[in-house]
């Protein structure tokens, strides 16, 4: 996991940033094995009570990445405020 957020409502949120190593072999060819391992790990974490959000590395390199991240994190954290706070 790249980042773990612990929110006021006690949620556990995993943020993953996926580069080519998550889905491609050393030659750059798509690897069904690597992809399968990644989604199996997502399932395992979900069963343990984690929420998982993935970002493509390319998505975070764009000119609007900062705006997109601020918007996403604002929405995410507003969803997970402590009840009654």
C-alpha atoms as a PDB file:
ATOM      1  CA  UNK A   1       0.000   0.000   0.000  1.00  0.00           C
ATOM      2  CA  UNK A   2       1.290   3.439  -0.851  1.00  0.00           C
ATOM      3  CA  UNK A   3      -0.689   5.449   1.704  1.00  0.00           C
ATOM      4  CA  UNK A   4      -2.917   4.552   4.632  1.00  0.00           C
ATOM      5  CA  UNK A   5      -5.427   7.121   5.897  1.00  0.00           C
ATOM      6  CA  UNK A   6      -7.049   6.674   9.298  1.00  0.00           C
ATOM      7  CA  UNK A   7     -10.139   8.872   9.397  1.00  0.00           C
ATOM      8  CA  UNK A   8     -12.075  10.424  12.295  1.00  0.00           C
ATOM      9  CA  UNK A   9     -14.840   7.811  11.885  1.00  0.00           C
ATOM     10  CA  UNK A  10     -12.185   5.081  12.289  1.00  0.00           C
ATOM     11  CA  UNK A  11     -12.246   4.037   8.634  1.00  0.00           C
ATOM     12  CA  UNK A  12      -9.063   2.638   7.147  1.00  0.00           C
ATOM     13  CA  UNK A  13      -8.432   3.883   3.626  1.00  0.00           C
ATOM     14  CA  UNK A  14      -5.699   2.634   1.335  1.00  0.00           C
ATOM     15  CA  UNK A  15      -4.484   4.859  -1.504  1.00  0.00           C
ATOM     16  CA  UNK A  16      -2.587   3.069  -4.257  1.00  0.00           C
ATOM     17  CA  UNK A  17      -0.652   4.751  -7.052  1.00  0.00           C
ATOM     18  CA  UNK A  18      -0.279   2.300  -9.905  1.00  0.00           C
ATOM     19  CA  UNK A  19       2.652   2.528 -12.250  1.00  0.00           C
ATOM     20  CA  UNK A  20       3.432   0.079 -15.027  1.00  0.00           C
ATOM     21  CA  UNK A  21       4.953  -2.360 -12.514  1.00  0.00           C
ATOM     22  CA  UNK A  22       1.420  -3.087 -11.296  1.00  0.00           C
ATOM     23  CA  UNK A  23       0.200  -4.447 -14.615  1.00  0.00           C
ATOM     24  CA  UNK A  24       3.152  -4.945 -17.001  1.00  0.00           C
ATOM     25  CA  UNK A  25       6.250  -7.122 -17.081  1.00  0.00           C
ATOM     26  CA  UNK A  26       9.822  -5.850 -17.526  1.00  0.00           C
ATOM     27  CA  UNK A  27       9.330  -5.564 -21.295  1.00  0.00           C
ATOM     28  CA  UNK A  28       6.237  -3.370 -20.879  1.00  0.00           C
ATOM     29  CA  UNK A  29       3.875  -6.135 -21.989  1.00  0.00           C
ATOM     30  CA  UNK A  30       0.602  -6.436 -20.069  1.00  0.00           C
ATOM     31  CA  UNK A  31       0.864  -9.174 -17.458  1.00  0.00           C
ATOM     32  CA  UNK A  32      -2.345 -10.961 -16.472  1.00  0.00           C
ATOM     33  CA  UNK A  33      -0.412 -12.532 -13.576  1.00  0.00           C
ATOM     34  CA  UNK A  34       0.598  -9.152 -12.102  1.00  0.00           C
ATOM     35  CA  UNK A  35      -2.899  -7.778 -12.552  1.00  0.00           C
ATOM     36  CA  UNK A  36      -4.394 -10.859 -10.871  1.00  0.00           C
ATOM     37  CA  UNK A  37      -2.035 -10.500  -7.916  1.00  0.00           C
ATOM     38  CA  UNK A  38      -3.019  -6.842  -7.550  1.00  0.00           C
ATOM     39  CA  UNK A  39      -6.768  -7.452  -7.545  1.00  0.00           C
ATOM     40  CA  UNK A  40      -6.368 -10.447  -5.203  1.00  0.00           C
ATOM     41  CA  UNK A  41      -4.594  -8.167  -2.736  1.00  0.00           C
ATOM     42  CA  UNK A  42      -7.408  -5.606  -3.093  1.00  0.00           C
ATOM     43  CA  UNK A  43      -9.951  -8.285  -2.203  1.00  0.00           C
ATOM     44  CA  UNK A  44      -7.902  -9.406   0.791  1.00  0.00           C
ATOM     45  CA  UNK A  45      -7.645  -5.848   2.121  1.00  0.00           C
ATOM     46  CA  UNK A  46     -11.378  -5.236   1.585  1.00  0.00           C
ATOM     47  CA  UNK A  47     -12.215  -8.355   3.571  1.00  0.00           C
ATOM     48  CA  UNK A  48     -10.032  -6.948   6.371  1.00  0.00           C
ATOM     49  CA  UNK A  49     -12.137  -3.760   6.386  1.00  0.00           C
ATOM     50  CA  UNK A  50     -10.035  -1.392   4.272  1.00  0.00           C
ATOM     51  CA  UNK A  51     -11.444   0.897   1.583  1.00  0.00           C
ATOM     52  CA  UNK A  52      -9.138   1.009  -1.450  1.00  0.00           C
ATOM     53  CA  UNK A  53      -8.770   3.783  -3.990  1.00  0.00           C
ATOM     54  CA  UNK A  54      -6.389   3.450  -6.931  1.00  0.00           C
ATOM     55  CA  UNK A  55      -4.835   6.147  -9.079  1.00  0.00           C
ATOM     56  CA  UNK A  56      -2.931   5.568 -12.272  1.00  0.00           C
ATOM     57  CA  UNK A  57       0.523   7.102 -12.179  1.00  0.00           C
ATOM     58  CA  UNK A  58      -0.209   8.822 -15.499  1.00  0.00           C
ATOM     59  CA  UNK A  59      -3.313  10.401 -13.964  1.00  0.00           C
ATOM     60  CA  UNK A  60      -1.180  12.037 -11.262  1.00  0.00           C
ATOM     61  CA  UNK A  61       1.342  13.430 -13.734  1.00  0.00           C
ATOM     62  CA  UNK A  62      -1.186  15.552 -15.637  1.00  0.00           C
ATOM     63  CA  UNK A  63      -1.594  19.306 -15.337  1.00  0.00           C
ATOM     64  CA  UNK A  64      -4.882  18.965 -13.412  1.00  0.00           C
ATOM     65  CA  UNK A  65      -3.567  16.388 -10.917  1.00  0.00           C
ATOM     66  CA  UNK A  66      -3.411  18.790  -7.989  1.00  0.00           C
ATOM     67  CA  UNK A  67      -6.970  20.005  -8.532  1.00  0.00           C
ATOM     68  CA  UNK A  68      -8.251  16.451  -8.964  1.00  0.00           C
ATOM     69  CA  UNK A  69      -6.497  15.264  -5.782  1.00  0.00           C
ATOM     70  CA  UNK A  70      -7.743  18.183  -3.703  1.00  0.00           C
ATOM     71  CA  UNK A  71     -11.291  17.535  -4.889  1.00  0.00           C
ATOM     72  CA  UNK A  72     -11.056  13.786  -4.311  1.00  0.00           C
ATOM     73  CA  UNK A  73      -9.530  14.081  -0.841  1.00  0.00           C
ATOM     74  CA  UNK A  74     -12.050  16.749   0.168  1.00  0.00           C
ATOM     75  CA  UNK A  75     -14.958  14.517  -0.857  1.00  0.00           C
ATOM     76  CA  UNK A  76     -13.398  11.461   0.738  1.00  0.00           C
ATOM     77  CA  UNK A  77     -12.707  13.112   4.072  1.00  0.00           C
ATOM     78  CA  UNK A  78     -16.117  14.787   4.208  1.00  0.00           C
ATOM     79  CA  UNK A  79     -17.648  11.334   3.775  1.00  0.00           C
ATOM     80  CA  UNK A  80     -15.637  10.009   6.716  1.00  0.00           C
ATOM     81  CA  UNK A  81     -16.114  12.725   9.317  1.00  0.00           C
ATOM     82  CA  UNK A  82     -16.833  11.559  12.811  1.00  0.00           C
ATOM     83  CA  UNK A  83     -20.578  11.368  13.344  1.00  0.00           C
ATOM     84  CA  UNK A  84     -21.777  14.221  15.505  1.00  0.00           C
ATOM     85  CA  UNK A  85     -18.583  16.217  14.972  1.00  0.00           C
END
